[in-house]
Amino acid sequence: MFYSSENLVHVCLDAGHGALCFFEPDTCWFAVSEETALKLATMNLKFHLIPKEVLENAGLGGSEFQCDYMGKGEVS
């Protein structure tokens, strides 16, 4: 997981739940995995499901969607 202080967002790319982001200003989650989105819903958390087509249109679709950042900490 990493944190961007400039964007006030926490981002985790763990394969267990797919890309998952938390945006601090409105306490909202953004999930790519439908299964993860359903879990957020059962926990009564505010979230948005990002359809896989959005990532595909941005050239980030499929299983090749990864992040070079492998450490923990803050990214500005």
Protein backbone atom coordinates (compact mmCIF):
# COMPACT_ATOMS: atom_id res chain seq x y z
CA MET A 1 0.00 0.00 0.00
CA PHE A 2 1.16 3.51 -0.60
CA TYR A 3 -0.15 6.99 0.15
CA SER A 4 -0.12 10.09 -2.00
CA SER A 5 -0.23 13.19 0.19
CA GLU A 6 -0.71 15.36 -2.90
CA ASN A 7 -3.91 13.51 -3.87
CA LEU A 8 -4.95 12.42 -0.35
CA VAL A 9 -5.41 8.85 -1.54
CA HIS A 10 -4.29 5.48 -0.22
CA VAL A 11 -3.73 2.84 -2.93
CA CYS A 12 -3.32 -0.91 -2.53
CA LEU A 13 -2.76 -3.30 -5.43
CA ASP A 14 -2.87 -6.58 -3.50
CA ALA A 15 -3.89 -9.42 -5.79
CA GLY A 16 -6.34 -10.67 -3.15
CA HIS A 17 -8.69 -7.74 -3.67
CA GLY A 18 -7.41 -6.07 -6.83
CA ALA A 19 -6.80 -2.34 -7.09
CA LEU A 20 -8.37 -0.64 -4.09
CA CYS A 21 -8.17 3.05 -3.25
CA PHE A 22 -9.38 5.17 -0.36
CA PHE A 23 -9.94 8.88 -0.96
CA GLU A 24 -9.65 10.78 2.33
CA PRO A 25 -11.64 13.98 1.64
CA ASP A 26 -14.95 12.19 1.12
CA THR A 27 -14.05 8.88 2.87
CA CYS A 28 -14.89 6.93 -0.26
CA TRP A 29 -13.44 3.65 -1.54
CA PHE A 30 -12.78 2.83 -5.20
CA ALA A 31 -12.65 -0.86 -6.14
CA VAL A 32 -11.91 -2.61 -9.41
CA SER A 33 -13.00 -6.06 -8.26
CA GLU A 34 -16.74 -6.72 -8.12
CA GLU A 35 -16.18 -9.14 -5.24
CA THR A 36 -14.35 -6.46 -3.26
CA ALA A 37 -17.09 -3.94 -4.03
CA LEU A 38 -19.70 -6.37 -2.67
CA LYS A 39 -17.67 -6.76 0.53
CA LEU A 40 -17.52 -2.97 0.91
CA ALA A 41 -21.30 -2.82 0.43
CA THR A 42 -21.92 -5.43 3.12
CA MET A 43 -19.78 -3.32 5.46
CA ASN A 44 -21.96 -0.25 4.70
CA LEU A 45 -18.99 1.67 3.31
CA LYS A 46 -19.29 4.32 0.62
CA PHE A 47 -17.65 3.06 -2.59
CA HIS A 48 -17.51 3.23 -6.37
CA LEU A 49 -16.94 0.21 -8.57
CA ILE A 50 -14.62 1.03 -11.44
CA PRO A 51 -15.78 -1.13 -14.37
CA LYS A 52 -13.00 -3.11 -16.05
CA GLU A 53 -13.90 -1.34 -19.31
CA VAL A 54 -12.69 1.95 -17.83
CA LEU A 55 -9.25 0.45 -17.19
CA GLU A 56 -9.21 -1.21 -20.60
CA ASN A 57 -10.05 2.11 -22.27
CA ALA A 58 -7.13 3.66 -20.39
CA GLY A 59 -4.84 0.88 -21.62
CA LEU A 60 -4.66 -0.74 -18.16
CA GLY A 61 -6.98 -3.70 -18.65
CA GLY A 62 -6.32 -7.34 -18.03
CA SER A 63 -4.05 -9.12 -15.62
CA GLU A 64 -1.05 -7.05 -16.68
CA PHE A 65 -2.30 -4.14 -14.53
CA GLN A 66 0.47 -3.80 -11.97
CA CYS A 67 2.38 -1.15 -10.12
CA ASP A 68 6.15 -0.72 -10.06
CA TYR A 69 5.94 0.52 -6.48
CA MET A 70 6.57 -2.47 -4.21
CA GLY A 71 7.42 -0.76 -0.92
CA LYS A 72 5.36 0.82 1.79
CA GLY A 73 5.19 4.46 2.59
CA GLU A 74 4.36 7.75 1.03
CA VAL A 75 4.54 8.80 -2.58
CA SER A 76 4.23 12.47 -3.44
